[in-house]
Amino acid sequence: GVDLTDGSRIKGASTATLSITAVQEIDKGDYTCVVTNTAGTDTSKPAALGIEASLEQLAEEYKCSDVVEFLNEIGMSKYAESFEDNDISGDLLLGAGSEVFDELNVTSVLDQIIIEVLFQMKLKGSKEKCPLKKVVEFLNENKLSTHVPAFEDKRMIGEVLLKCACNDSALKELGVASAIDRKKIEKRFKSYFEQL
């Protein structure tokens, strides 16, 4: 290995706490600590430092055809032609915002949120923490069972509902017309989700 010395990004190379700022790909690998005293020298077991790609880097790998395939996978094929016509790749989809979605004819706030959240989950390789059956359980426990059919129709998973919970327009699109019901979802769902 290479002995580390303090520099602009490395601090504490000869102390008990090593700190590397602005970690880069070159920093990836196994690190060991060598301790020396009058009794001798001992080397620690290796500690691995890995580097994860950012969402932006992952999104750059998605060509327009991959984005269209993603839309088909999540049941949003009705938008595929508009995404193709505008050559929307992953880097453009990530963080597109309402103006871009509107220009792509995704005028439904709910659909915008669904696409955004599910795309980020796909990039991260995340599994559903809160599947539809848990959302239905939440609705039933909070005297919101009248909304179950609409939530089931949209296959509303918790990760999407978490983002919708603070958006009246999205909840209204789900048929949650009552301000009291919307407030229950807004105030109670986050803690329910966090307890899973």
C-alpha atoms as a PDB file:
ATOM      1  CA  GLY A   1       0.000   0.000   0.000  1.00  0.00           C
ATOM      2  CA  VAL A   2       0.806   3.667   0.003  1.00  0.00           C
ATOM      3  CA  ASP A   3       1.501   5.594   3.205  1.00  0.00           C
ATOM      4  CA  LEU A   4      -0.815   8.587   3.542  1.00  0.00           C
ATOM      5  CA  THR A   5       0.321  12.051   4.555  1.00  0.00           C
ATOM      6  CA  ASP A   6      -1.756  15.080   5.444  1.00  0.00           C
ATOM      7  CA  GLY A   7      -2.561  17.351   2.526  1.00  0.00           C
ATOM      8  CA  SER A   8      -5.371  19.413   1.051  1.00  0.00           C
ATOM      9  CA  ARG A   9      -7.895  16.525   1.131  1.00  0.00           C
ATOM     10  CA  ILE A  10      -6.312  14.224   3.757  1.00  0.00           C
ATOM     11  CA  LYS A  11      -6.252  15.097   7.453  1.00  0.00           C
ATOM     12  CA  GLY A  12      -5.178  12.962  10.407  1.00  0.00           C
ATOM     13  CA  ALA A  13      -2.958  10.554   8.466  1.00  0.00           C
ATOM     14  CA  SER A  14      -0.871   9.895  11.586  1.00  0.00           C
ATOM     15  CA  THR A  15      -3.700  10.121  14.151  1.00  0.00           C
ATOM     16  CA  ALA A  16      -6.513   7.863  15.338  1.00  0.00           C
ATOM     17  CA  THR A  17      -9.015   9.494  12.948  1.00  0.00           C
ATOM     18  CA  LEU A  18      -8.392   9.700   9.204  1.00  0.00           C
ATOM     19  CA  SER A  19     -10.489  12.163   7.214  1.00  0.00           C
ATOM     20  CA  ILE A  20     -10.634  12.392   3.417  1.00  0.00           C
ATOM     21  CA  THR A  21     -12.691  15.253   1.982  1.00  0.00           C
ATOM     22  CA  ALA A  22     -14.118  15.407  -1.542  1.00  0.00           C
ATOM     23  CA  VAL A  23     -13.670  11.659  -1.961  1.00  0.00           C
ATOM     24  CA  GLN A  24     -12.814  10.665  -5.530  1.00  0.00           C
ATOM     25  CA  GLU A  25     -12.695   7.425  -7.496  1.00  0.00           C
ATOM     26  CA  ILE A  26      -8.934   7.270  -6.959  1.00  0.00           C
ATOM     27  CA  ASP A  27      -9.533   7.029  -3.172  1.00  0.00           C
ATOM     28  CA  LYS A  28     -11.495   3.788  -3.552  1.00  0.00           C
ATOM     29  CA  GLY A  29      -9.878   0.704  -2.044  1.00  0.00           C
ATOM     30  CA  ASP A  30      -8.799  -0.983   1.178  1.00  0.00           C
ATOM     31  CA  TYR A  31      -7.277   1.027   4.016  1.00  0.00           C
ATOM     32  CA  THR A  32      -5.273  -0.310   6.946  1.00  0.00           C
ATOM     33  CA  CYS A  33      -3.882   1.307  10.048  1.00  0.00           C
ATOM     34  CA  VAL A  34      -0.345   0.574  11.185  1.00  0.00           C
ATOM     35  CA  VAL A  35       0.409   1.133  14.879  1.00  0.00           C
ATOM     36  CA  THR A  36       3.946   1.141  16.211  1.00  0.00           C
ATOM     37  CA  ASN A  37       5.222   1.398  19.765  1.00  0.00           C
ATOM     38  CA  THR A  38       8.018  -0.078  21.891  1.00  0.00           C
ATOM     39  CA  ALA A  39       6.280  -3.483  21.873  1.00  0.00           C
ATOM     40  CA  GLY A  40       6.349  -3.647  18.089  1.00  0.00           C
ATOM     41  CA  THR A  41       4.136  -2.997  15.075  1.00  0.00           C
ATOM     42  CA  ASP A  42       0.615  -4.188  14.308  1.00  0.00           C
ATOM     43  CA  THR A  43      -1.546  -3.713  11.217  1.00  0.00           C
ATOM     44  CA  SER A  44      -5.342  -3.558  11.346  1.00  0.00           C
ATOM     45  CA  LYS A  45      -7.668  -5.572   9.167  1.00  0.00           C
ATOM     46  CA  PRO A  46      -8.469  -3.739   5.898  1.00  0.00           C
ATOM     47  CA  ALA A  47     -11.416  -1.344   5.834  1.00  0.00           C
ATOM     48  CA  ALA A  48     -12.936  -0.934   2.371  1.00  0.00           C
ATOM     49  CA  LEU A  49     -13.838   2.484   0.992  1.00  0.00           C
ATOM     50  CA  GLY A  50     -16.321   2.286  -1.859  1.00  0.00           C
ATOM     51  CA  ILE A  51     -17.604   5.049  -4.096  1.00  0.00           C
ATOM     52  CA  GLU A  52     -21.255   5.136  -5.154  1.00  0.00           C
ATOM     53  CA  ALA A  53     -22.323   6.883  -8.310  1.00  0.00           C
ATOM     54  CA  SER A  54     -24.594   9.889  -7.833  1.00  0.00           C
ATOM     55  CA  LEU A  55     -28.144   9.850  -9.165  1.00  0.00           C
ATOM     56  CA  GLU A  56     -27.011  12.268 -11.856  1.00  0.00           C
ATOM     57  CA  GLN A  57     -24.266   9.886 -12.982  1.00  0.00           C
ATOM     58  CA  LEU A  58     -26.687   6.957 -13.003  1.00  0.00           C
ATOM     59  CA  ALA A  59     -29.297   8.963 -14.937  1.00  0.00           C
ATOM     60  CA  GLU A  60     -26.748   9.839 -17.632  1.00  0.00           C
ATOM     61  CA  GLU A  61     -26.657   6.138 -18.563  1.00  0.00           C
ATOM     62  CA  TYR A  62     -30.336   6.180 -19.603  1.00  0.00           C
ATOM     63  CA  LYS A  63     -30.870   6.870 -23.291  1.00  0.00           C
ATOM     64  CA  CYS A  64     -34.264   8.009 -24.549  1.00  0.00           C
ATOM     65  CA  SER A  65     -35.159   4.418 -25.460  1.00  0.00           C
ATOM     66  CA  ASP A  66     -34.407   3.367 -21.857  1.00  0.00           C
ATOM     67  CA  VAL A  67     -36.664   6.135 -20.520  1.00  0.00           C
ATOM     68  CA  VAL A  68     -39.469   5.026 -22.852  1.00  0.00           C
ATOM     69  CA  GLU A  69     -39.013   1.437 -21.669  1.00  0.00           C
ATOM     70  CA  PHE A  70     -39.200   2.686 -18.070  1.00  0.00           C
ATOM     71  CA  LEU A  71     -42.463   4.543 -18.806  1.00  0.00           C
ATOM     72  CA  ASN A  72     -43.922   1.347 -20.251  1.00  0.00           C
ATOM     73  CA  GLU A  73     -42.808  -0.635 -17.177  1.00  0.00           C
ATOM     74  CA  ILE A  74     -44.633   1.703 -14.789  1.00  0.00           C
ATOM     75  CA  GLY A  75     -47.833   1.919 -16.818  1.00  0.00           C
ATOM     76  CA  MET A  76     -47.204   5.407 -18.219  1.00  0.00           C
ATOM     77  CA  SER A  77     -46.903   4.431 -21.884  1.00  0.00           C
ATOM     78  CA  LYS A  78     -49.401   7.164 -22.795  1.00  0.00           C
ATOM     79  CA  TYR A  79     -46.483   9.624 -22.438  1.00  0.00           C
ATOM     80  CA  ALA A  80     -43.911   7.586 -24.373  1.00  0.00           C
ATOM     81  CA  GLU A  81     -44.438   9.306 -27.739  1.00  0.00           C
ATOM     82  CA  SER A  82     -43.976  12.770 -26.254  1.00  0.00           C
ATOM     83  CA  PHE A  83     -40.788  11.669 -24.475  1.00  0.00           C
ATOM     84  CA  GLU A  84     -39.490  10.138 -27.729  1.00  0.00           C
ATOM     85  CA  ASP A  85     -40.377  13.214 -29.800  1.00  0.00           C
ATOM     86  CA  ASN A  86     -38.412  15.380 -27.354  1.00  0.00           C
ATOM     87  CA  ASP A  87     -35.501  12.929 -27.001  1.00  0.00           C
ATOM     88  CA  ILE A  88     -35.830  12.769 -23.201  1.00  0.00           C
ATOM     89  CA  SER A  89     -32.913  10.858 -21.724  1.00  0.00           C
ATOM     90  CA  GLY A  90     -32.365  10.033 -18.064  1.00  0.00           C
ATOM     91  CA  ASP A  91     -30.353  13.149 -17.285  1.00  0.00           C
ATOM     92  CA  LEU A  92     -33.245  15.304 -18.557  1.00  0.00           C
ATOM     93  CA  LEU A  93     -35.895  13.278 -16.726  1.00  0.00           C
ATOM     94  CA  LEU A  94     -34.106  13.446 -13.376  1.00  0.00           C
ATOM     95  CA  GLY A  95     -35.332  16.624 -11.728  1.00  0.00           C
ATOM     96  CA  ALA A  96     -37.348  17.634 -14.803  1.00  0.00           C
ATOM     97  CA  GLY A  97     -39.751  19.826 -12.841  1.00  0.00           C
ATOM     98  CA  SER A  98     -43.333  20.762 -13.608  1.00  0.00           C
ATOM     99  CA  GLU A  99     -42.536  23.045 -16.574  1.00  0.00           C
ATOM    100  CA  VAL A 100     -40.708  20.275 -18.441  1.00  0.00           C
ATOM    101  CA  PHE A 101     -43.406  17.752 -17.560  1.00  0.00           C
ATOM    102  CA  ASP A 102     -46.099  20.175 -18.783  1.00  0.00           C
ATOM    103  CA  GLU A 103     -44.278  20.551 -22.110  1.00  0.00           C
ATOM    104  CA  LEU A 104     -44.178  16.759 -22.349  1.00  0.00           C
ATOM    105  CA  ASN A 105     -47.972  16.722 -21.868  1.00  0.00           C
ATOM    106  CA  VAL A 106     -47.670  15.196 -18.399  1.00  0.00           C
ATOM    107  CA  THR A 107     -50.052  17.757 -16.931  1.00  0.00           C
ATOM    108  CA  SER A 108     -51.224  15.516 -14.095  1.00  0.00           C
ATOM    109  CA  VAL A 109     -49.314  16.461 -10.934  1.00  0.00           C
ATOM    110  CA  LEU A 110     -49.916  12.942  -9.661  1.00  0.00           C
ATOM    111  CA  ASP A 111     -48.384  11.371 -12.777  1.00  0.00           C
ATOM    112  CA  GLN A 112     -45.422  13.759 -12.524  1.00  0.00           C
ATOM    113  CA  ILE A 113     -44.787  12.612  -8.949  1.00  0.00           C
ATOM    114  CA  ILE A 114     -45.209   8.931  -9.844  1.00  0.00           C
ATOM    115  CA  ILE A 115     -42.718   9.194 -12.727  1.00  0.00           C
ATOM    116  CA  GLU A 116     -40.234  11.203 -10.663  1.00  0.00           C
ATOM    117  CA  VAL A 117     -40.293   8.955  -7.581  1.00  0.00           C
ATOM    118  CA  LEU A 118     -40.273   5.645  -9.475  1.00  0.00           C
ATOM    119  CA  PHE A 119     -37.421   6.825 -11.721  1.00  0.00           C
ATOM    120  CA  GLN A 120     -35.323   7.786  -8.703  1.00  0.00           C
ATOM    121  CA  MET A 121     -36.104   4.414  -7.097  1.00  0.00           C
ATOM    122  CA  LYS A 122     -35.044   2.637 -10.291  1.00  0.00           C
ATOM    123  CA  LEU A 123     -31.778   4.574 -10.410  1.00  0.00           C
ATOM    124  CA  LYS A 124     -31.024   3.743  -6.780  1.00  0.00           C
ATOM    125  CA  GLY A 125     -32.074   0.119  -7.212  1.00  0.00           C
ATOM    126  CA  SER A 126     -34.493   0.646  -4.310  1.00  0.00           C
ATOM    127  CA  LYS A 127     -37.132  -1.888  -3.440  1.00  0.00           C
ATOM    128  CA  GLU A 128     -40.569  -0.847  -2.223  1.00  0.00           C
ATOM    129  CA  LYS A 129     -40.457  -0.237   1.509  1.00  0.00           C
ATOM    130  CA  CYS A 130     -44.192   0.374   1.636  1.00  0.00           C
ATOM    131  CA  PRO A 131     -46.170  -1.644  -0.935  1.00  0.00           C
ATOM    132  CA  LEU A 132     -49.789  -0.932  -1.844  1.00  0.00           C
ATOM    133  CA  LYS A 133     -51.113  -3.338   0.801  1.00  0.00           C
ATOM    134  CA  LYS A 134     -49.402  -1.245   3.520  1.00  0.00           C
ATOM    135  CA  VAL A 135     -50.898   1.947   2.065  1.00  0.00           C
ATOM    136  CA  VAL A 136     -54.340   0.301   2.167  1.00  0.00           C
ATOM    137  CA  GLU A 137     -53.667  -0.724   5.772  1.00  0.00           C
ATOM    138  CA  PHE A 138     -52.816   2.908   6.601  1.00  0.00           C
ATOM    139  CA  LEU A 139     -55.995   4.167   4.919  1.00  0.00           C
ATOM    140  CA  ASN A 140     -58.146   1.673   6.815  1.00  0.00           C
ATOM    141  CA  GLU A 141     -56.493   2.438  10.171  1.00  0.00           C
ATOM    142  CA  ASN A 142     -57.126   6.167   9.682  1.00  0.00           C
ATOM    143  CA  LYS A 143     -60.777   5.942   8.617  1.00  0.00           C
ATOM    144  CA  LEU A 144     -59.867   6.724   5.025  1.00  0.00           C
ATOM    145  CA  SER A 145     -61.106   3.460   3.512  1.00  0.00           C
ATOM    146  CA  THR A 146     -63.363   5.252   1.019  1.00  0.00           C
ATOM    147  CA  HIS A 147     -60.173   6.157  -0.851  1.00  0.00           C
ATOM    148  CA  VAL A 148     -58.879   2.589  -1.158  1.00  0.00           C
ATOM    149  CA  PRO A 149     -60.273   1.927  -4.689  1.00  0.00           C
ATOM    150  CA  ALA A 150     -58.617   5.045  -6.164  1.00  0.00           C
ATOM    151  CA  PHE A 151     -55.305   4.273  -4.451  1.00  0.00           C
ATOM    152  CA  GLU A 152     -55.466   0.677  -5.672  1.00  0.00           C
ATOM    153  CA  ASP A 153     -56.277   1.843  -9.200  1.00  0.00           C
ATOM    154  CA  LYS A 154     -53.131   4.001  -9.235  1.00  0.00           C
ATOM    155  CA  ARG A 155     -51.096   1.230  -7.508  1.00  0.00           C
ATOM    156  CA  MET A 156     -50.105   3.820  -4.919  1.00  0.00           C
ATOM    157  CA  ILE A 157     -46.997   2.663  -3.084  1.00  0.00           C
ATOM    158  CA  GLY A 158     -45.820   4.428   0.038  1.00  0.00           C
ATOM    159  CA  GLU A 159     -42.771   6.039  -1.552  1.00  0.00           C
ATOM    160  CA  VAL A 160     -45.058   7.861  -4.003  1.00  0.00           C
ATOM    161  CA  LEU A 161     -47.677   8.684  -1.380  1.00  0.00           C
ATOM    162  CA  LEU A 162     -44.966  10.173   0.828  1.00  0.00           C
ATOM    163  CA  LYS A 163     -44.301  12.773  -1.884  1.00  0.00           C
ATOM    164  CA  CYS A 164     -48.030  13.222  -2.630  1.00  0.00           C
ATOM    165  CA  ALA A 165     -48.929  13.652   1.047  1.00  0.00           C
ATOM    166  CA  CYS A 166     -47.852  17.292   1.067  1.00  0.00           C
ATOM    167  CA  ASN A 167     -49.316  18.112  -2.345  1.00  0.00           C
ATOM    168  CA  ASP A 168     -53.033  18.949  -2.312  1.00  0.00           C
ATOM    169  CA  SER A 169     -53.275  18.826  -6.114  1.00  0.00           C
ATOM    170  CA  ALA A 170     -51.944  15.259  -6.254  1.00  0.00           C
ATOM    171  CA  LEU A 171     -54.238  14.109  -3.439  1.00  0.00           C
ATOM    172  CA  LYS A 172     -57.224  15.751  -5.136  1.00  0.00           C
ATOM    173  CA  GLU A 173     -56.333  13.873  -8.339  1.00  0.00           C
ATOM    174  CA  LEU A 174     -56.487  10.695  -6.241  1.00  0.00           C
ATOM    175  CA  GLY A 175     -60.031  11.684  -5.292  1.00  0.00           C
ATOM    176  CA  VAL A 176     -59.247  12.906  -1.790  1.00  0.00           C
ATOM    177  CA  ALA A 177     -61.643  15.868  -1.925  1.00  0.00           C
ATOM    178  CA  SER A 178     -62.040  16.332   1.827  1.00  0.00           C
ATOM    179  CA  ALA A 179     -59.595  18.790   3.372  1.00  0.00           C
ATOM    180  CA  ILE A 180     -59.748  16.774   6.596  1.00  0.00           C
ATOM    181  CA  ASP A 181     -58.792  13.570   4.783  1.00  0.00           C
ATOM    182  CA  ARG A 182     -55.932  15.332   2.984  1.00  0.00           C
ATOM    183  CA  LYS A 183     -54.681  16.724   6.308  1.00  0.00           C
ATOM    184  CA  LYS A 184     -54.837  13.238   7.898  1.00  0.00           C
ATOM    185  CA  ILE A 185     -52.690  11.861   5.095  1.00  0.00           C
ATOM    186  CA  GLU A 186     -50.277  14.793   5.263  1.00  0.00           C
ATOM    187  CA  LYS A 187     -49.845  14.656   9.045  1.00  0.00           C
ATOM    188  CA  ARG A 188     -49.964  10.897   9.675  1.00  0.00           C
ATOM    189  CA  PHE A 189     -48.480   9.078   6.702  1.00  0.00           C
ATOM    190  CA  LYS A 190     -44.854  10.176   7.159  1.00  0.00           C
ATOM    191  CA  SER A 191     -44.655   8.734  10.694  1.00  0.00           C
ATOM    192  CA  TYR A 192     -46.443   5.565   9.530  1.00  0.00           C
ATOM    193  CA  PHE A 193     -43.921   5.196   6.690  1.00  0.00           C
ATOM    194  CA  GLU A 194     -40.920   5.805   8.963  1.00  0.00           C
ATOM    195  CA  GLN A 195     -42.077   3.061  11.355  1.00  0.00           C
ATOM    196  CA  LEU A 196     -42.002   0.398   8.644  1.00  0.00           C
END
